């Protein structure tokens, strides 16, 4: 049995099943569902599968407990092949890289985030389990870990445990949730890369994105600069929103660059199926949700950003090339 998992199948299961030509698609988090499928269970909630010529959807997206996830173990050969160091820029990698999941979900509901059907509720693993997983990776020669959490929140116990380990790591987070002393602890723990979601430079823009940010733009800038004193690479992510004036944005980017913080040219907003933005435009996603969102994105924008060199092509064309 060939099974697909992930956010696409969680939001548009029929389309994912058809396009990927698999036997089954898991909707939501996969750990418990995969075990049941592997044990031969026939009636598993949160799955989409073929039944003769028909496609059946059994229930909706499921969530796993996650907090009881034991330390993952990876084969030595797989680790040796994993040379990628995600979002690392301060040095040239020497040893293998890896990914670790310390928490899952996010306590916020920003309009642009496609988490309604996948990895939604915030949960975090015990630091002891995470550190045990990190120790195993270190013993296999890993020098850098990227925490793939939707949002890496301040965790004093985990950071204190990482301080004594010779490990470099990167995170994605909201900088407004970090106090200066915790940013210092983050640097001491080995963090060399921060991807911080700022999104908009106006309170109105952040409110329209449902950021629920209590800091002013100047306070956010100061916190980014503070982070840069302790972490070699700090990135401020910006989204193109109507409330932000481009001249002001470019001036702010220059100010950040002068302080050693990299802020991207604002990225056009993509209405991901599974996000509140998609829901506001078209309602619940159907089997053509991704094509609809992608076509809308291409109609609205001719210029994208400095992190995207080429213009995307329609999904139908892209998928046709892949199939050929």
Protein backbone atom coordinates (compact mmCIF):
# COMPACT_ATOMS: atom_id res chain seq x y z
CA UNK A 1 0.00 0.00 0.00
CA UNK A 2 1.32 3.42 -1.01
CA UNK A 3 0.14 6.18 1.34
CA UNK A 4 0.45 9.98 1.02
CA UNK A 5 0.46 12.31 4.01
CA UNK A 6 0.70 16.08 4.43
CA UNK A 7 -1.26 19.35 4.21
CA UNK A 8 -2.36 18.93 0.58
CA UNK A 9 -4.09 15.63 1.21
CA UNK A 10 -5.47 16.92 4.49
CA UNK A 11 -7.28 19.77 2.72
CA UNK A 12 -8.03 18.31 -0.72
CA UNK A 13 -7.88 14.51 -0.23
CA UNK A 14 -9.59 13.47 -3.47
CA UNK A 15 -7.38 15.66 -5.63
CA UNK A 16 -4.22 14.46 -3.84
CA UNK A 17 -5.22 10.81 -4.21
CA UNK A 18 -5.86 11.22 -7.93
CA UNK A 19 -2.79 13.32 -8.75
CA UNK A 20 -0.34 11.24 -6.74
CA UNK A 21 -1.82 7.92 -7.89
CA UNK A 22 -1.53 6.43 -4.42
CA UNK A 23 -3.71 3.88 -2.66
CA UNK A 24 -4.59 6.04 0.33
CA UNK A 25 -4.29 9.62 1.59
CA UNK A 26 -4.12 10.47 5.29
CA UNK A 27 -6.01 13.56 6.38
CA UNK A 28 -4.38 15.35 9.30
CA UNK A 29 -1.49 14.04 11.37
CA UNK A 30 -0.34 10.62 10.32
CA UNK A 31 1.35 8.79 13.24
CA UNK A 32 -1.66 6.97 14.71
CA UNK A 33 -3.43 6.56 11.36
CA UNK A 34 -0.39 4.96 9.70
CA UNK A 35 -0.05 2.44 12.52
CA UNK A 36 -3.68 1.43 12.11
CA UNK A 37 -3.28 1.07 8.34
CA UNK A 38 -0.10 -0.99 8.83
CA UNK A 39 -1.97 -3.26 11.26
CA UNK A 40 -4.55 -3.98 8.57
CA UNK A 41 -7.48 -1.97 9.98
CA UNK A 42 -10.14 -1.49 7.32
CA UNK A 43 -12.19 1.36 8.75
CA UNK A 44 -9.70 4.11 9.63
CA UNK A 45 -10.98 7.63 10.20
CA UNK A 46 -9.08 10.40 8.46
CA UNK A 47 -8.37 8.48 5.26
CA UNK A 48 -9.28 8.85 1.60
CA UNK A 49 -8.97 5.73 -0.56
CA UNK A 50 -10.14 3.97 -3.70
CA UNK A 51 -13.09 1.63 -3.46
CA UNK A 52 -13.37 0.07 -6.89
CA UNK A 53 -14.00 2.95 -9.28
CA UNK A 54 -15.13 5.26 -6.48
CA UNK A 55 -13.10 7.47 -4.14
CA UNK A 56 -14.16 7.32 -0.48
CA UNK A 57 -13.47 9.89 2.22
CA UNK A 58 -13.75 8.47 5.73
CA UNK A 59 -14.20 11.26 8.26
CA UNK A 60 -12.03 14.36 8.45
CA UNK A 61 -8.48 15.33 9.48
CA UNK A 62 -7.24 13.62 12.65
CA UNK A 63 -4.78 14.88 15.26
CA UNK A 64 -2.17 12.71 16.99
CA UNK A 65 -1.34 13.13 20.71
CA UNK A 66 2.26 14.01 19.67
CA UNK A 67 3.42 14.85 23.21
CA UNK A 68 4.09 11.13 23.77
CA UNK A 69 6.25 10.90 20.63
CA UNK A 70 9.41 8.99 21.65
CA UNK A 71 12.85 10.11 20.45
CA UNK A 72 13.15 9.31 16.74
CA UNK A 73 15.99 7.09 15.59
CA UNK A 74 17.47 7.35 12.10
CA UNK A 75 19.73 4.86 10.26
CA UNK A 76 23.38 5.94 10.14
CA UNK A 77 23.44 5.81 6.34
CA UNK A 78 20.42 8.11 6.07
CA UNK A 79 22.10 10.65 8.35
CA UNK A 80 25.35 10.47 6.37
CA UNK A 81 23.45 11.30 3.18
CA UNK A 82 21.63 14.25 4.76
CA UNK A 83 24.00 17.10 3.90
CA UNK A 84 21.30 19.79 3.79
CA UNK A 85 21.34 22.46 6.51
CA UNK A 86 17.99 24.22 6.22
CA UNK A 87 18.09 28.03 6.40
CA UNK A 88 21.72 28.18 7.51
CA UNK A 89 23.88 31.03 6.19
CA UNK A 90 26.57 31.89 8.74
CA UNK A 91 29.05 29.14 7.75
CA UNK A 92 29.69 26.36 5.28
CA UNK A 93 28.35 23.03 6.57
CA UNK A 94 30.92 20.40 7.50
CA UNK A 95 28.88 17.54 8.93
CA UNK A 96 25.36 16.25 8.28
CA UNK A 97 22.23 18.22 9.14
CA UNK A 98 18.90 17.04 10.56
CA UNK A 99 15.41 18.16 11.48
CA UNK A 100 13.75 17.90 14.89
CA UNK A 101 10.16 18.60 15.92
CA UNK A 102 10.00 20.07 19.42
CA UNK A 103 6.42 21.28 19.19
CA UNK A 104 3.50 21.03 16.82
CA UNK A 105 0.79 23.48 15.88
CA UNK A 106 0.45 27.13 16.80
CA UNK A 107 -1.66 29.01 19.37
CA UNK A 108 -2.32 31.78 16.81
CA UNK A 109 -4.69 31.86 13.82
CA UNK A 110 -3.14 34.25 11.30
CA UNK A 111 -5.25 34.56 8.14
CA UNK A 112 -2.49 33.42 5.76
CA UNK A 113 -1.52 30.22 7.56
CA UNK A 114 -2.82 26.94 6.08
CA UNK A 115 -3.11 25.01 9.31
CA UNK A 116 -6.87 24.62 9.72
CA UNK A 117 -6.75 20.95 8.69
CA UNK A 118 -3.20 20.00 9.59
CA UNK A 119 -0.95 20.39 12.66
CA UNK A 120 -3.27 22.95 14.20
CA UNK A 121 -3.53 22.77 18.01
CA UNK A 122 -0.31 23.73 19.83
CA UNK A 123 1.47 20.92 21.73
CA UNK A 124 5.07 20.53 22.84
CA UNK A 125 7.16 17.47 23.63
CA UNK A 126 8.97 17.10 26.96
CA UNK A 127 12.47 18.61 26.73
CA UNK A 128 14.02 15.34 27.96
CA UNK A 129 12.71 13.47 24.91
CA UNK A 130 13.93 16.19 22.53
CA UNK A 131 17.39 16.24 24.12
CA UNK A 132 17.62 12.45 23.91
CA UNK A 133 16.82 12.67 20.20
CA UNK A 134 19.42 15.44 19.77
CA UNK A 135 22.06 13.37 21.59
CA UNK A 136 21.50 10.46 19.21
CA UNK A 137 21.89 12.79 16.21
CA UNK A 138 25.08 14.25 17.68
CA UNK A 139 26.50 10.74 18.12
CA UNK A 140 25.84 10.19 14.39
CA UNK A 141 27.89 13.26 13.45
CA UNK A 142 25.09 15.81 12.99
CA UNK A 143 26.34 19.37 13.51
CA UNK A 144 23.18 21.37 12.73
CA UNK A 145 19.48 20.85 13.44
CA UNK A 146 16.52 22.82 12.15
CA UNK A 147 13.49 22.82 14.42
CA UNK A 148 10.56 22.33 12.06
CA UNK A 149 8.01 23.62 14.57
CA UNK A 150 5.29 25.84 13.14
CA UNK A 151 6.36 28.28 15.83
CA UNK A 152 9.37 27.76 18.11
CA UNK A 153 8.31 29.37 21.40
CA UNK A 154 10.62 30.30 24.29
CA UNK A 155 11.36 27.18 26.32
CA UNK A 156 13.88 27.82 29.08
CA UNK A 157 14.29 24.15 30.03
CA UNK A 158 15.00 23.06 26.47
CA UNK A 159 17.41 25.93 25.81
CA UNK A 160 19.27 25.24 29.04
CA UNK A 161 19.67 21.62 27.98
CA UNK A 162 21.02 22.65 24.58
CA UNK A 163 23.62 25.00 26.10
CA UNK A 164 25.75 22.07 27.25
CA UNK A 165 25.61 20.36 23.85
CA UNK A 166 27.83 21.28 20.94
CA UNK A 167 24.95 21.76 18.50
CA UNK A 168 24.03 24.54 16.08
CA UNK A 169 20.38 25.02 15.16
CA UNK A 170 17.85 27.21 13.40
CA UNK A 171 14.24 28.14 14.20
CA UNK A 172 11.19 29.96 12.90
CA UNK A 173 9.30 32.10 15.40
CA UNK A 174 7.56 35.36 16.26
CA UNK A 175 10.11 37.81 17.61
CA UNK A 176 7.48 39.63 19.69
CA UNK A 177 7.22 36.58 21.96
CA UNK A 178 10.88 36.71 22.99
CA UNK A 179 12.23 38.87 25.80
CA UNK A 180 15.85 40.11 25.51
CA UNK A 181 17.15 37.73 28.18
CA UNK A 182 15.60 34.75 26.40
CA UNK A 183 17.16 35.83 23.09
CA UNK A 184 20.52 35.84 24.84
CA UNK A 185 19.81 32.32 26.12
CA UNK A 186 18.79 31.29 22.58
CA UNK A 187 22.19 32.37 21.28
CA UNK A 188 24.02 30.61 24.11
CA UNK A 189 22.12 27.42 23.32
CA UNK A 190 23.58 27.36 19.79
CA UNK A 191 20.99 29.10 17.60
CA UNK A 192 22.58 30.48 14.43
CA UNK A 193 19.46 31.19 12.35
CA UNK A 194 16.14 32.87 13.11
CA UNK A 195 13.31 33.27 10.64
CA UNK A 196 10.94 35.76 12.27
CA UNK A 197 7.46 36.48 10.97
CA UNK A 198 6.84 40.24 10.98
CA UNK A 199 4.50 40.26 7.95
CA UNK A 200 3.37 43.93 8.04
CA UNK A 201 4.93 47.19 9.21
CA UNK A 202 1.64 48.81 10.19
CA UNK A 203 -0.68 47.93 13.09
CA UNK A 204 -3.58 47.92 10.62
CA UNK A 205 -1.81 45.45 8.35
CA UNK A 206 -0.96 43.14 11.24
CA UNK A 207 -4.54 43.36 12.53
CA UNK A 208 -5.96 42.45 9.11
CA UNK A 209 -3.70 39.39 9.14
CA UNK A 210 -4.96 38.54 12.67
CA UNK A 211 -1.41 38.61 14.06
CA UNK A 212 -2.54 39.74 17.53
CA UNK A 213 0.80 41.49 17.94
CA UNK A 214 1.09 43.76 20.98
CA UNK A 215 4.33 45.45 19.90
CA UNK A 216 4.77 48.55 17.79
CA UNK A 217 6.83 48.39 14.61
CA UNK A 218 9.71 50.19 16.35
CA UNK A 219 9.59 47.68 19.20
CA UNK A 220 9.65 44.81 16.72
CA UNK A 221 12.69 46.37 15.01
CA UNK A 222 14.48 46.75 18.32
CA UNK A 223 13.77 43.13 19.23
CA UNK A 224 15.14 41.96 15.86
CA UNK A 225 18.33 43.97 16.42
CA UNK A 226 18.64 42.50 19.92
CA UNK A 227 18.30 39.00 18.45
CA UNK A 228 21.04 39.78 15.93
CA UNK A 229 23.46 40.55 18.76
CA UNK A 230 23.21 36.93 19.87
CA UNK A 231 22.38 35.03 16.67
CA UNK A 232 24.50 35.28 13.47
CA UNK A 233 21.58 35.31 11.00
CA UNK A 234 18.21 36.93 11.63
CA UNK A 235 15.56 37.24 8.92
CA UNK A 236 12.40 39.35 9.13
CA UNK A 237 9.66 37.93 6.89
CA UNK A 238 7.38 40.49 5.21
CA UNK A 239 4.13 39.97 3.29
CA UNK A 240 2.83 42.41 0.70
CA UNK A 241 -0.28 44.04 2.21
CA UNK A 242 -2.31 47.04 1.08
CA UNK A 243 -1.80 48.89 4.37
CA UNK A 244 2.00 49.17 3.92
CA UNK A 245 3.56 51.97 1.88
CA UNK A 246 6.34 50.63 -0.36
CA UNK A 247 8.66 53.60 0.25
CA UNK A 248 8.34 53.13 4.01
CA UNK A 249 8.91 49.37 3.63
CA UNK A 250 12.09 49.82 1.57
CA UNK A 251 13.40 52.38 4.05
CA UNK A 252 12.72 49.97 6.91
CA UNK A 253 14.48 47.17 5.05
CA UNK A 254 17.57 49.35 4.64
CA UNK A 255 17.48 50.21 8.33
CA UNK A 256 17.34 46.52 9.22
CA UNK A 257 20.09 45.64 6.76
CA UNK A 258 22.35 48.29 8.32
CA UNK A 259 21.78 46.59 11.68
CA UNK A 260 22.66 43.16 10.26
CA UNK A 261 19.08 41.90 9.95
CA UNK A 262 17.90 40.66 6.55
CA UNK A 263 14.32 41.60 5.62
CA UNK A 264 12.91 40.22 2.38
CA UNK A 265 11.11 42.25 -0.24
CA UNK A 266 7.45 41.71 0.76
CA UNK A 267 6.09 38.45 -0.63
CA UNK A 268 2.65 38.48 -2.33
CA UNK A 269 0.01 36.78 -0.25
CA UNK A 270 -0.92 33.29 -1.48
CA UNK A 271 -4.43 32.20 -0.37
CA UNK A 272 -3.51 28.65 0.62
CA UNK A 273 -6.39 26.15 0.72
CA UNK A 274 -6.85 25.41 4.40
CA UNK A 275 -6.21 29.02 5.43
CA UNK A 276 -8.76 31.65 6.56
CA UNK A 277 -7.77 33.76 3.54
CA UNK A 278 -8.91 31.02 1.17
CA UNK A 279 -12.10 30.52 3.14
CA UNK A 280 -12.90 34.24 2.96
CA UNK A 281 -12.52 34.27 -0.84
CA UNK A 282 -14.18 31.00 -1.85
CA UNK A 283 -15.47 29.10 1.16
CA UNK A 284 -14.57 25.47 1.85
CA UNK A 285 -11.86 24.02 -0.45
CA UNK A 286 -13.02 21.61 -3.14
CA UNK A 287 -11.07 19.33 -5.49
CA UNK A 288 -9.97 22.33 -7.59
CA UNK A 289 -8.92 24.53 -4.67
CA UNK A 290 -5.20 24.57 -5.47
CA UNK A 291 -5.73 25.46 -9.13
CA UNK A 292 -8.18 28.21 -8.09
CA UNK A 293 -5.78 29.71 -5.53
CA UNK A 294 -2.80 29.49 -7.88
CA UNK A 295 -4.63 31.09 -10.83
CA UNK A 296 -5.83 33.88 -8.54
CA UNK A 297 -2.26 34.46 -7.34
CA UNK A 298 -0.90 34.68 -10.89
CA UNK A 299 -3.67 37.05 -12.00
CA UNK A 300 -3.03 39.45 -9.13
CA UNK A 301 0.76 39.64 -9.20
CA UNK A 302 3.33 40.21 -11.91
CA UNK A 303 6.23 40.75 -9.49
CA UNK A 304 6.90 38.38 -6.64
CA UNK A 305 9.93 38.92 -4.38
CA UNK A 306 13.69 38.76 -4.12
CA UNK A 307 13.48 35.21 -2.77
CA UNK A 308 11.69 33.99 -5.89
CA UNK A 309 13.66 34.38 -9.11
CA UNK A 310 11.19 32.99 -11.62
CA UNK A 311 7.51 33.48 -12.37
CA UNK A 312 5.44 30.44 -11.38
CA UNK A 313 3.50 28.66 -14.10
CA UNK A 314 -0.11 27.43 -13.79
CA UNK A 315 -0.44 24.19 -11.85
CA UNK A 316 -1.98 22.35 -14.80
CA UNK A 317 1.11 23.07 -16.92
CA UNK A 318 3.48 22.14 -14.13
CA UNK A 319 1.74 18.86 -13.38
CA UNK A 320 1.55 18.00 -17.07
CA UNK A 321 5.34 18.37 -17.33
CA UNK A 322 5.83 16.20 -14.25
CA UNK A 323 3.58 13.45 -15.62
CA UNK A 324 5.47 13.46 -18.93
